[in-house]
Amino acid sequence: PPVVKLRVQHQIELKRARDQLTRMAVTDGLTGLANRRQFE
């Protein structure tokens, strides 16, 4: 249990960091809407 818990938590944190970067890459900084890239 302690090992699998740590491994899962590590992947959750990595995914959240990737998701945040993805959101930043596809979001218009001024309006908060999707940007042209996300639209396409």
PDB file of all heavy atoms in Angstrom:
ATOM      1  N   PRO A   1       0.788  -1.241   0.000  1.00  0.00           N
ATOM      2  CA  PRO A   1       0.000   0.000   0.000  1.00  0.00           C
ATOM      3  C   PRO A   1       0.812   1.280   0.000  1.00  0.00           C
ATOM      4  O   PRO A   1       0.536   2.182  -0.808  1.00  0.00           O
ATOM      5  CB  PRO A   1      -0.880  -0.143   1.243  1.00  0.00           C
ATOM      6  CG  PRO A   1      -1.073  -1.618   1.377  1.00  0.00           C
ATOM      7  CD  PRO A   1       0.254  -2.209   0.993  1.00  0.00           C
ATOM      8  N   PRO A   2       1.829   1.450   0.879  1.00  0.00           N
ATOM      9  CA  PRO A   2       2.574   2.721   0.851  1.00  0.00           C
ATOM     10  C   PRO A   2       3.271   2.968  -0.485  1.00  0.00           C
ATOM     11  O   PRO A   2       3.328   4.102  -0.962  1.00  0.00           O
ATOM     12  CB  PRO A   2       3.594   2.555   1.989  1.00  0.00           C
ATOM     13  CG  PRO A   2       2.985   1.532   2.889  1.00  0.00           C
ATOM     14  CD  PRO A   2       2.276   0.581   1.984  1.00  0.00           C
ATOM     15  N   VAL A   3       3.772   1.905  -1.097  1.00  0.00           N
ATOM     16  CA  VAL A   3       4.497   2.068  -2.364  1.00  0.00           C
ATOM     17  C   VAL A   3       3.546   2.448  -3.492  1.00  0.00           C
ATOM     18  O   VAL A   3       3.793   3.398  -4.244  1.00  0.00           O
ATOM     19  CB  VAL A   3       5.251   0.769  -2.723  1.00  0.00           C
ATOM     20  CG1 VAL A   3       5.806   0.851  -4.151  1.00  0.00           C
ATOM     21  CG2 VAL A   3       6.388   0.537  -1.739  1.00  0.00           C
ATOM     22  N   VAL A   4       2.429   1.735  -3.616  1.00  0.00           N
ATOM     23  CA  VAL A   4       1.496   2.025  -4.707  1.00  0.00           C
ATOM     24  C   VAL A   4       0.870   3.410  -4.504  1.00  0.00           C
ATOM     25  O   VAL A   4       0.625   4.148  -5.462  1.00  0.00           O
ATOM     26  CB  VAL A   4       0.423   0.925  -4.833  1.00  0.00           C
ATOM     27  CG1 VAL A   4      -0.599   0.989  -3.708  1.00  0.00           C
ATOM     28  CG2 VAL A   4      -0.296   1.031  -6.174  1.00  0.00           C
ATOM     29  N   LYS A   5       0.663   3.804  -3.262  1.00  0.00           N
ATOM     30  CA  LYS A   5       0.097   5.125  -2.980  1.00  0.00           C
ATOM     31  C   LYS A   5       1.047   6.227  -3.448  1.00  0.00           C
ATOM     32  O   LYS A   5       0.624   7.205  -4.075  1.00  0.00           O
ATOM     33  CB  LYS A   5      -0.176   5.255  -1.483  1.00  0.00           C
ATOM     34  CG  LYS A   5      -0.970   6.483  -1.105  1.00  0.00           C
ATOM     35  CD  LYS A   5      -1.360   6.434   0.368  1.00  0.00           C
ATOM     36  CE  LYS A   5      -2.247   7.607   0.744  1.00  0.00           C
ATOM     37  NZ  LYS A   5      -2.670   7.554   2.162  1.00  0.00           N
ATOM     38  N   LEU A   6       2.335   6.075  -3.159  1.00  0.00           N
ATOM     39  CA  LEU A   6       3.312   7.070  -3.567  1.00  0.00           C
ATOM     40  C   LEU A   6       3.448   7.132  -5.086  1.00  0.00           C
ATOM     41  O   LEU A   6       3.559   8.221  -5.667  1.00  0.00           O
ATOM     42  CB  LEU A   6       4.675   6.760  -2.933  1.00  0.00           C
ATOM     43  CG  LEU A   6       4.797   7.058  -1.436  1.00  0.00           C
ATOM     44  CD1 LEU A   6       6.099   6.492  -0.891  1.00  0.00           C
ATOM     45  CD2 LEU A   6       4.719   8.568  -1.182  1.00  0.00           C
ATOM     46  N   ARG A   7       3.421   5.966  -5.725  1.00  0.00           N
ATOM     47  CA  ARG A   7       3.571   5.942  -7.179  1.00  0.00           C
ATOM     48  C   ARG A   7       2.369   6.588  -7.871  1.00  0.00           C
ATOM     49  O   ARG A   7       2.531   7.329  -8.850  1.00  0.00           O
ATOM     50  CB  ARG A   7       3.762   4.497  -7.660  1.00  0.00           C
ATOM     51  CG  ARG A   7       5.119   3.927  -7.276  1.00  0.00           C
ATOM     52  CD  ARG A   7       5.347   2.562  -7.872  1.00  0.00           C
ATOM     53  NE  ARG A   7       6.704   2.119  -7.647  1.00  0.00           N
ATOM     54  CZ  ARG A   7       7.222   0.993  -8.116  1.00  0.00           C
ATOM     55  NH1 ARG A   7       6.468   0.173  -8.836  1.00  0.00           N
ATOM     56  NH2 ARG A   7       8.472   0.664  -7.871  1.00  0.00           N
ATOM     57  N   VAL A   8       1.198   6.307  -7.362  1.00  0.00           N
ATOM     58  CA  VAL A   8      -0.005   6.905  -7.940  1.00  0.00           C
ATOM     59  C   VAL A   8      -0.011   8.416  -7.716  1.00  0.00           C
ATOM     60  O   VAL A   8      -0.319   9.190  -8.623  1.00  0.00           O
ATOM     61  CB  VAL A   8      -1.274   6.252  -7.350  1.00  0.00           C
ATOM     62  CG1 VAL A   8      -2.518   7.071  -7.693  1.00  0.00           C
ATOM     63  CG2 VAL A   8      -1.423   4.829  -7.859  1.00  0.00           C
ATOM     64  N   GLN A   9       0.341   8.858  -6.511  1.00  0.00           N
ATOM     65  CA  GLN A   9       0.360  10.295  -6.224  1.00  0.00           C
ATOM     66  C   GLN A   9       1.357  11.021  -7.122  1.00  0.00           C
ATOM     67  O   GLN A   9       1.095  12.133  -7.591  1.00  0.00           O
ATOM     68  CB  GLN A   9       0.716  10.534  -4.750  1.00  0.00           C
ATOM     69  CG  GLN A   9       0.574  11.982  -4.314  1.00  0.00           C
ATOM     70  CD  GLN A   9      -0.843  12.521  -4.502  1.00  0.00           C
ATOM     71  OE1 GLN A   9      -1.819  11.812  -4.267  1.00  0.00           O
ATOM     72  NE2 GLN A   9      -0.951  13.771  -4.939  1.00  0.00           N
ATOM     73  N   HIS A  10       2.481  10.368  -7.375  1.00  0.00           N
ATOM     74  CA  HIS A  10       3.490  10.953  -8.261  1.00  0.00           C
ATOM     75  C   HIS A  10       2.912  11.168  -9.663  1.00  0.00           C
ATOM     76  O   HIS A  10       3.093  12.235 -10.276  1.00  0.00           O
ATOM     77  CB  HIS A  10       4.708  10.037  -8.316  1.00  0.00           C
ATOM     78  CG  HIS A  10       5.787  10.509  -9.246  1.00  0.00           C
ATOM     79  ND1 HIS A  10       6.456  11.688  -9.067  1.00  0.00           N
ATOM     80  CD2 HIS A  10       6.294   9.951 -10.384  1.00  0.00           C
ATOM     81  CE1 HIS A  10       7.343  11.846 -10.039  1.00  0.00           C
ATOM     82  NE2 HIS A  10       7.251  10.818 -10.854  1.00  0.00           N
ATOM     83  N   GLN A  11       2.181  10.190 -10.170  1.00  0.00           N
ATOM     84  CA  GLN A  11       1.594  10.316 -11.511  1.00  0.00           C
ATOM     85  C   GLN A  11       0.486  11.353 -11.545  1.00  0.00           C
ATOM     86  O   GLN A  11       0.323  12.064 -12.545  1.00  0.00           O
ATOM     87  CB  GLN A  11       1.073   8.951 -11.985  1.00  0.00           C
ATOM     88  CG  GLN A  11       2.159   7.915 -12.213  1.00  0.00           C
ATOM     89  CD  GLN A  11       3.208   8.373 -13.216  1.00  0.00           C
ATOM     90  OE1 GLN A  11       2.905   9.131 -14.142  1.00  0.00           O
ATOM     91  NE2 GLN A  11       4.439   7.943 -13.013  1.00  0.00           N
ATOM     92  N   ILE A  12      -0.275  11.460 -10.469  1.00  0.00           N
ATOM     93  CA  ILE A  12      -1.320  12.487 -10.400  1.00  0.00           C
ATOM     94  C   ILE A  12      -0.696  13.879 -10.482  1.00  0.00           C
ATOM     95  O   ILE A  12      -1.169  14.752 -11.218  1.00  0.00           O
ATOM     96  CB  ILE A  12      -2.138  12.342  -9.098  1.00  0.00           C
ATOM     97  CG1 ILE A  12      -3.017  11.089  -9.154  1.00  0.00           C
ATOM     98  CG2 ILE A  12      -3.002  13.584  -8.854  1.00  0.00           C
ATOM     99  CD1 ILE A  12      -3.677  10.739  -7.836  1.00  0.00           C
ATOM    100  N   GLU A  13       0.370  14.100  -9.739  1.00  0.00           N
ATOM    101  CA  GLU A  13       1.027  15.404  -9.746  1.00  0.00           C
ATOM    102  C   GLU A  13       1.626  15.724 -11.115  1.00  0.00           C
ATOM    103  O   GLU A  13       1.534  16.863 -11.591  1.00  0.00           O
ATOM    104  CB  GLU A  13       2.110  15.438  -8.660  1.00  0.00           C
ATOM    105  CG  GLU A  13       1.525  15.434  -7.241  1.00  0.00           C
ATOM    106  CD  GLU A  13       2.574  15.219  -6.171  1.00  0.00           C
ATOM    107  OE1 GLU A  13       3.771  15.085  -6.528  1.00  0.00           O
ATOM    108  OE2 GLU A  13       2.211  15.179  -4.981  1.00  0.00           O
ATOM    109  N   LEU A  14       2.239  14.716 -11.745  1.00  0.00           N
ATOM    110  CA  LEU A  14       2.796  14.925 -13.084  1.00  0.00           C
ATOM    111  C   LEU A  14       1.698  15.264 -14.085  1.00  0.00           C
ATOM    112  O   LEU A  14       1.857  16.160 -14.922  1.00  0.00           O
ATOM    113  CB  LEU A  14       3.558  13.678 -13.546  1.00  0.00           C
ATOM    114  CG  LEU A  14       4.911  13.410 -12.901  1.00  0.00           C
ATOM    115  CD1 LEU A  14       5.472  12.086 -13.396  1.00  0.00           C
ATOM    116  CD2 LEU A  14       5.887  14.545 -13.225  1.00  0.00           C
ATOM    117  N   LYS A  15       0.575  14.556 -14.001  1.00  0.00           N
ATOM    118  CA  LYS A  15      -0.522  14.809 -14.943  1.00  0.00           C
ATOM    119  C   LYS A  15      -1.102  16.201 -14.739  1.00  0.00           C
ATOM    120  O   LYS A  15      -1.408  16.908 -15.714  1.00  0.00           O
ATOM    121  CB  LYS A  15      -1.627  13.764 -14.794  1.00  0.00           C
ATOM    122  CG  LYS A  15      -2.753  13.942 -15.813  1.00  0.00           C
ATOM    123  CD  LYS A  15      -3.775  12.847 -15.746  1.00  0.00           C
ATOM    124  CE  LYS A  15      -4.795  13.003 -16.868  1.00  0.00           C
ATOM    125  NZ  LYS A  15      -5.579  14.230 -16.770  1.00  0.00           N
ATOM    126  N   ARG A  16      -1.254  16.611 -13.487  1.00  0.00           N
ATOM    127  CA  ARG A  16      -1.790  17.951 -13.237  1.00  0.00           C
ATOM    128  C   ARG A  16      -0.859  19.024 -13.794  1.00  0.00           C
ATOM    129  O   ARG A  16      -1.317  20.033 -14.327  1.00  0.00           O
ATOM    130  CB  ARG A  16      -2.020  18.142 -11.744  1.00  0.00           C
ATOM    131  CG  ARG A  16      -3.274  17.405 -11.249  1.00  0.00           C
ATOM    132  CD  ARG A  16      -3.471  17.530  -9.775  1.00  0.00           C
ATOM    133  NE  ARG A  16      -4.771  17.009  -9.373  1.00  0.00           N
ATOM    134  CZ  ARG A  16      -5.138  16.783  -8.126  1.00  0.00           C
ATOM    135  NH1 ARG A  16      -4.280  17.024  -7.140  1.00  0.00           N
ATOM    136  NH2 ARG A  16      -6.333  16.313  -7.856  1.00  0.00           N
ATOM    137  N   ALA A  17       0.435  18.809 -13.669  1.00  0.00           N
ATOM    138  CA  ALA A  17       1.394  19.774 -14.214  1.00  0.00           C
ATOM    139  C   ALA A  17       1.306  19.809 -15.742  1.00  0.00           C
ATOM    140  O   ALA A  17       1.307  20.896 -16.348  1.00  0.00           O
ATOM    141  CB  ALA A  17       2.812  19.406 -13.779  1.00  0.00           C
ATOM    142  N   ARG A  18       1.183  18.635 -16.364  1.00  0.00           N
ATOM    143  CA  ARG A  18       1.052  18.588 -17.826  1.00  0.00           C
ATOM    144  C   ARG A  18      -0.256  19.240 -18.273  1.00  0.00           C
ATOM    145  O   ARG A  18      -0.290  19.968 -19.264  1.00  0.00           O
ATOM    146  CB  ARG A  18       1.105  17.140 -18.326  1.00  0.00           C
ATOM    147  CG  ARG A  18       2.475  16.501 -18.272  1.00  0.00           C
ATOM    148  CD  ARG A  18       2.517  15.233 -19.094  1.00  0.00           C
ATOM    149  NE  ARG A  18       1.554  14.253 -18.634  1.00  0.00           N
ATOM    150  CZ  ARG A  18       1.810  13.313 -17.719  1.00  0.00           C
ATOM    151  NH1 ARG A  18       3.018  13.259 -17.167  1.00  0.00           N
ATOM    152  NH2 ARG A  18       0.893  12.443 -17.372  1.00  0.00           N
ATOM    153  N   ASP A  19      -1.329  18.954 -17.552  1.00  0.00           N
ATOM    154  CA  ASP A  19      -2.628  19.532 -17.906  1.00  0.00           C
ATOM    155  C   ASP A  19      -2.601  21.056 -17.823  1.00  0.00           C
ATOM    156  O   ASP A  19      -3.191  21.753 -18.653  1.00  0.00           O
ATOM    157  CB  ASP A  19      -3.728  18.985 -16.986  1.00  0.00           C
ATOM    158  CG  ASP A  19      -4.051  17.527 -17.266  1.00  0.00           C
ATOM    159  OD1 ASP A  19      -3.593  17.007 -18.303  1.00  0.00           O
ATOM    160  OD2 ASP A  19      -4.761  16.912 -16.448  1.00  0.00           O
ATOM    161  N   GLN A  20      -1.917  21.571 -16.799  1.00  0.00           N
ATOM    162  CA  GLN A  20      -1.819  23.021 -16.649  1.00  0.00           C
ATOM    163  C   GLN A  20      -1.052  23.638 -17.812  1.00  0.00           C
ATOM    164  O   GLN A  20      -1.459  24.679 -18.358  1.00  0.00           O
ATOM    165  CB  GLN A  20      -1.133  23.369 -15.326  1.00  0.00           C
ATOM    166  CG  GLN A  20      -0.910  24.849 -15.091  1.00  0.00           C
ATOM    167  CD  GLN A  20      -2.218  25.632 -14.978  1.00  0.00           C
ATOM    168  OE1 GLN A  20      -3.281  25.063 -14.762  1.00  0.00           O
ATOM    169  NE2 GLN A  20      -2.130  26.945 -15.133  1.00  0.00           N
ATOM    170  N   LEU A  21       0.032  23.002 -18.223  1.00  0.00           N
ATOM    171  CA  LEU A  21       0.802  23.490 -19.367  1.00  0.00           C
ATOM    172  C   LEU A  21      -0.034  23.433 -20.640  1.00  0.00           C
ATOM    173  O   LEU A  21       0.021  24.339 -21.478  1.00  0.00           O
ATOM    174  CB  LEU A  21       2.081  22.667 -19.535  1.00  0.00           C
ATOM    175  CG  LEU A  21       3.162  22.877 -18.474  1.00  0.00           C
ATOM    176  CD1 LEU A  21       4.295  21.882 -18.662  1.00  0.00           C
ATOM    177  CD2 LEU A  21       3.696  24.305 -18.526  1.00  0.00           C
ATOM    178  N   THR A  22      -0.812  22.352 -20.781  1.00  0.00           N
ATOM    179  CA  THR A  22      -1.675  22.219 -21.955  1.00  0.00           C
ATOM    180  C   THR A  22      -2.719  23.311 -21.990  1.00  0.00           C
ATOM    181  O   THR A  22      -2.980  23.925 -23.035  1.00  0.00           O
ATOM    182  CB  THR A  22      -2.365  20.836 -21.960  1.00  0.00           C
ATOM    183  OG1 THR A  22      -1.363  19.808 -22.011  1.00  0.00           O
ATOM    184  CG2 THR A  22      -3.285  20.693 -23.157  1.00  0.00           C
ATOM    185  N   ARG A  23      -3.336  23.583 -20.826  1.00  0.00           N
ATOM    186  CA  ARG A  23      -4.346  24.647 -20.762  1.00  0.00           C
ATOM    187  C   ARG A  23      -3.740  25.997 -21.131  1.00  0.00           C
ATOM    188  O   ARG A  23      -4.352  26.798 -21.849  1.00  0.00           O
ATOM    189  CB  ARG A  23      -4.967  24.715 -19.363  1.00  0.00           C
ATOM    190  CG  ARG A  23      -6.014  23.639 -19.100  1.00  0.00           C
ATOM    191  CD  ARG A  23      -6.772  23.930 -17.831  1.00  0.00           C
ATOM    192  NE  ARG A  23      -5.937  23.825 -16.646  1.00  0.00           N
ATOM    193  CZ  ARG A  23      -5.734  22.705 -15.969  1.00  0.00           C
ATOM    194  NH1 ARG A  23      -6.304  21.578 -16.367  1.00  0.00           N
ATOM    195  NH2 ARG A  23      -4.967  22.688 -14.899  1.00  0.00           N
ATOM    196  N   MET A  24      -2.533  26.260 -20.648  1.00  0.00           N
ATOM    197  CA  MET A  24      -1.878  27.525 -20.960  1.00  0.00           C
ATOM    198  C   MET A  24      -1.590  27.644 -22.451  1.00  0.00           C
ATOM    199  O   MET A  24      -1.690  28.727 -23.035  1.00  0.00           O
ATOM    200  CB  MET A  24      -0.582  27.659 -20.154  1.00  0.00           C
ATOM    201  CG  MET A  24      -0.800  27.838 -18.662  1.00  0.00           C
ATOM    202  SD  MET A  24       0.738  27.738 -17.713  1.00  0.00           S
ATOM    203  CE  MET A  24       1.628  29.147 -18.360  1.00  0.00           C
ATOM    204  N   ALA A  25      -1.252  26.501 -23.077  1.00  0.00           N
ATOM    205  CA  ALA A  25      -0.902  26.521 -24.496  1.00  0.00           C
ATOM    206  C   ALA A  25      -2.102  26.748 -25.399  1.00  0.00           C
ATOM    207  O   ALA A  25      -1.952  27.187 -26.538  1.00  0.00           O
ATOM    208  CB  ALA A  25      -0.217  25.204 -24.872  1.00  0.00           C
ATOM    209  N   VAL A  26      -3.302  26.441 -24.904  1.00  0.00           N
ATOM    210  CA  VAL A  26      -4.494  26.529 -25.764  1.00  0.00           C
ATOM    211  C   VAL A  26      -5.491  27.580 -25.263  1.00  0.00           C
ATOM    212  O   VAL A  26      -6.632  27.609 -25.712  1.00  0.00           O
ATOM    213  CB  VAL A  26      -5.188  25.152 -25.901  1.00  0.00           C
ATOM    214  CG1 VAL A  26      -4.262  24.152 -26.575  1.00  0.00           C
ATOM    215  CG2 VAL A  26      -5.663  24.636 -24.549  1.00  0.00           C
ATOM    216  N   THR A  27      -5.061  28.439 -24.335  1.00  0.00           N
ATOM    217  CA  THR A  27      -5.953  29.454 -23.772  1.00  0.00           C
ATOM    218  C   THR A  27      -5.457  30.849 -24.123  1.00  0.00           C
ATOM    219  O   THR A  27      -4.261  31.136 -24.041  1.00  0.00           O
ATOM    220  CB  THR A  27      -6.032  29.303 -22.240  1.00  0.00           C
ATOM    221  OG1 THR A  27      -6.509  28.004 -21.923  1.00  0.00           O
ATOM    222  CG2 THR A  27      -6.971  30.337 -21.632  1.00  0.00           C
ATOM    223  N   ASP A  28      -6.372  31.705 -24.517  1.00  0.00           N
ATOM    224  CA  ASP A  28      -6.032  33.097 -24.787  1.00  0.00           C
ATOM    225  C   ASP A  28      -5.783  33.816 -23.463  1.00  0.00           C
ATOM    226  O   ASP A  28      -6.645  33.831 -22.578  1.00  0.00           O
ATOM    227  CB  ASP A  28      -7.177  33.769 -25.545  1.00  0.00           C
ATOM    228  CG  ASP A  28      -6.919  35.242 -25.767  1.00  0.00           C
ATOM    229  OD1 ASP A  28      -5.922  35.562 -26.426  1.00  0.00           O
ATOM    230  OD2 ASP A  28      -7.703  36.055 -25.250  1.00  0.00           O
ATOM    231  N   GLY A  29      -4.621  34.406 -23.329  1.00  0.00           N
ATOM    232  CA  GLY A  29      -4.225  35.004 -22.053  1.00  0.00           C
ATOM    233  C   GLY A  29      -5.079  36.175 -21.621  1.00  0.00           C
ATOM    234  O   GLY A  29      -5.259  36.410 -20.430  1.00  0.00           O
ATOM    235  N   LEU A  30      -5.619  36.933 -22.562  1.00  0.00           N
ATOM    236  CA  LEU A  30      -6.397  38.121 -22.216  1.00  0.00           C
ATOM    237  C   LEU A  30      -7.822  37.774 -21.794  1.00  0.00           C
ATOM    238  O   LEU A  30      -8.327  38.267 -20.788  1.00  0.00           O
ATOM    239  CB  LEU A  30      -6.434  39.087 -23.403  1.00  0.00           C
ATOM    240  CG  LEU A  30      -7.289  40.345 -23.200  1.00  0.00           C
ATOM    241  CD1 LEU A  30      -6.694  41.221 -22.098  1.00  0.00           C
ATOM    242  CD2 LEU A  30      -7.421  41.122 -24.501  1.00  0.00           C
ATOM    243  N   THR A  31      -8.486  36.920 -22.569  1.00  0.00           N
ATOM    244  CA  THR A  31      -9.916  36.677 -22.356  1.00  0.00           C
ATOM    245  C   THR A  31     -10.227  35.400 -21.583  1.00  0.00           C
ATOM    246  O   THR A  31     -11.331  35.249 -21.059  1.00  0.00           O
ATOM    247  CB  THR A  31     -10.647  36.590 -23.704  1.00  0.00           C
ATOM    248  OG1 THR A  31     -10.164  35.429 -24.426  1.00  0.00           O
ATOM    249  CG2 THR A  31     -10.412  37.836 -24.538  1.00  0.00           C
ATOM    250  N   GLY A  32      -9.274  34.473 -21.535  1.00  0.00           N
ATOM    251  CA  GLY A  32      -9.528  33.199 -20.872  1.00  0.00           C
ATOM    252  C   GLY A  32     -10.274  32.204 -21.738  1.00  0.00           C
ATOM    253  O   GLY A  32     -10.489  31.053 -21.328  1.00  0.00           O
ATOM    254  N   LEU A  33     -10.670  32.598 -22.940  1.00  0.00           N
ATOM    255  CA  LEU A  33     -11.305  31.661 -23.871  1.00  0.00           C
ATOM    256  C   LEU A  33     -10.234  30.787 -24.534  1.00  0.00           C
ATOM    257  O   LEU A  33      -9.041  31.016 -24.384  1.00  0.00           O
ATOM    258  CB  LEU A  33     -12.063  32.425 -24.959  1.00  0.00           C
ATOM    259  CG  LEU A  33     -13.268  33.273 -24.532  1.00  0.00           C
ATOM    260  CD1 LEU A  33     -13.883  33.932 -25.758  1.00  0.00           C
ATOM    261  CD2 LEU A  33     -14.307  32.451 -23.788  1.00  0.00           C
ATOM    262  N   ALA A  34     -10.698  29.807 -25.283  1.00  0.00           N
ATOM    263  CA  ALA A  34      -9.770  29.027 -26.099  1.00  0.00           C
ATOM    264  C   ALA A  34      -9.087  29.948 -27.105  1.00  0.00           C
ATOM    265  O   ALA A  34      -9.645  30.974 -27.511  1.00  0.00           O
ATOM    266  CB  ALA A  34     -10.526  27.923 -26.828  1.00  0.00           C
ATOM    267  N   ASN A  35      -7.865  29.589 -27.500  1.00  0.00           N
ATOM    268  CA  ASN A  35      -7.178  30.398 -28.499  1.00  0.00           C
ATOM    269  C   ASN A  35      -7.364  29.794 -29.897  1.00  0.00           C
ATOM    270  O   ASN A  35      -8.071  28.796 -30.076  1.00  0.00           O
ATOM    271  CB  ASN A  35      -5.694  30.578 -28.139  1.00  0.00           C
ATOM    272  CG  ASN A  35      -4.932  29.253 -28.095  1.00  0.00           C
ATOM    273  OD1 ASN A  35      -5.404  28.219 -28.566  1.00  0.00           O
ATOM    274  ND2 ASN A  35      -3.738  29.284 -27.523  1.00  0.00           N
ATOM    275  N   ARG A  36      -6.739  30.412 -30.873  1.00  0.00           N
ATOM    276  CA  ARG A  36      -6.902  29.969 -32.273  1.00  0.00           C
ATOM    277  C   ARG A  36      -6.449  28.517 -32.443  1.00  0.00           C
ATOM    278  O   ARG A  36      -7.092  27.739 -33.174  1.00  0.00           O
ATOM    279  CB  ARG A  36      -6.105  30.903 -33.182  1.00  0.00           C
ATOM    280  CG  ARG A  36      -6.108  30.570 -34.663  1.00  0.00           C
ATOM    281  CD  ARG A  36      -7.412  30.933 -35.310  1.00  0.00           C
ATOM    282  NE  ARG A  36      -7.333  30.807 -36.766  1.00  0.00           N
ATOM    283  CZ  ARG A  36      -7.087  31.819 -37.600  1.00  0.00           C
ATOM    284  NH1 ARG A  36      -6.892  33.036 -37.134  1.00  0.00           N
ATOM    285  NH2 ARG A  36      -7.050  31.632 -38.894  1.00  0.00           N
ATOM    286  N   ARG A  37      -5.379  28.158 -31.795  1.00  0.00           N
ATOM    287  CA  ARG A  37      -4.878  26.788 -31.902  1.00  0.00           C
ATOM    288  C   ARG A  37      -5.903  25.782 -31.394  1.00  0.00           C
ATOM    289  O   ARG A  37      -6.170  24.764 -32.042  1.00  0.00           O
ATOM    290  CB  ARG A  37      -3.568  26.654 -31.105  1.00  0.00           C
ATOM    291  CG  ARG A  37      -3.049  25.229 -30.994  1.00  0.00           C
ATOM    292  CD  ARG A  37      -1.821  25.179 -30.106  1.00  0.00           C
ATOM    293  NE  ARG A  37      -1.449  23.809 -29.774  1.00  0.00           N
ATOM    294  CZ  ARG A  37      -0.483  23.486 -28.923  1.00  0.00           C
ATOM    295  NH1 ARG A  37       0.210  24.439 -28.330  1.00  0.00           N
ATOM    296  NH2 ARG A  37      -0.209  22.237 -28.672  1.00  0.00           N
ATOM    297  N   GLN A  38      -6.486  26.068 -30.229  1.00  0.00           N
ATOM    298  CA  GLN A  38      -7.489  25.164 -29.677  1.00  0.00           C
ATOM    299  C   GLN A  38      -8.733  25.105 -30.565  1.00  0.00           C
ATOM    300  O   GLN A  38      -9.336  24.052 -30.742  1.00  0.00           O
ATOM    301  CB  GLN A  38      -7.874  25.606 -28.261  1.00  0.00           C
ATOM    302  CG  GLN A  38      -8.981  24.782 -27.609  1.00  0.00           C
ATOM    303  CD  GLN A  38      -8.518  23.387 -27.224  1.00  0.00           C
ATOM    304  OE1 GLN A  38      -7.484  22.914 -27.672  1.00  0.00           O
ATOM    305  NE2 GLN A  38      -9.298  22.723 -26.408  1.00  0.00           N
ATOM    306  N   PHE A  39      -9.104  26.244 -31.128  1.00  0.00           N
ATOM    307  CA  PHE A  39     -10.238  26.278 -32.049  1.00  0.00           C
ATOM    308  C   PHE A  39      -9.991  25.329 -33.216  1.00  0.00           C
ATOM    309  O   PHE A  39     -10.858  24.513 -33.571  1.00  0.00           O
ATOM    310  CB  PHE A  39     -10.462  27.699 -32.564  1.00  0.00           C
ATOM    311  CG  PHE A  39     -11.498  27.796 -33.646  1.00  0.00           C
ATOM    312  CD1 PHE A  39     -12.844  27.898 -33.333  1.00  0.00           C
ATOM    313  CD2 PHE A  39     -11.119  27.774 -34.981  1.00  0.00           C
ATOM    314  CE1 PHE A  39     -13.803  27.972 -34.329  1.00  0.00           C
ATOM    315  CE2 PHE A  39     -12.073  27.845 -35.987  1.00  0.00           C
ATOM    316  CZ  PHE A  39     -13.418  27.955 -35.661  1.00  0.00           C
ATOM    317  N   GLU A  40      -8.828  25.425 -33.829  1.00  0.00           N
ATOM    318  CA  GLU A  40      -8.536  24.612 -35.003  1.00  0.00           C
ATOM    319  C   GLU A  40      -8.455  23.128 -34.666  1.00  0.00           C
ATOM    320  O   GLU A  40      -8.945  22.279 -35.421  1.00  0.00           O
ATOM    321  CB  GLU A  40      -7.247  25.100 -35.658  1.00  0.00           C
ATOM    322  CG  GLU A  40      -7.405  26.487 -36.284  1.00  0.00           C
ATOM    323  CD  GLU A  40      -6.112  27.074 -36.793  1.00  0.00           C
ATOM    324  OE1 GLU A  40      -5.031  26.506 -36.480  1.00  0.00           O
ATOM    325  OE2 GLU A  40      -6.162  28.109 -37.501  1.00  0.00           O
TER     326      GLU A  40
END
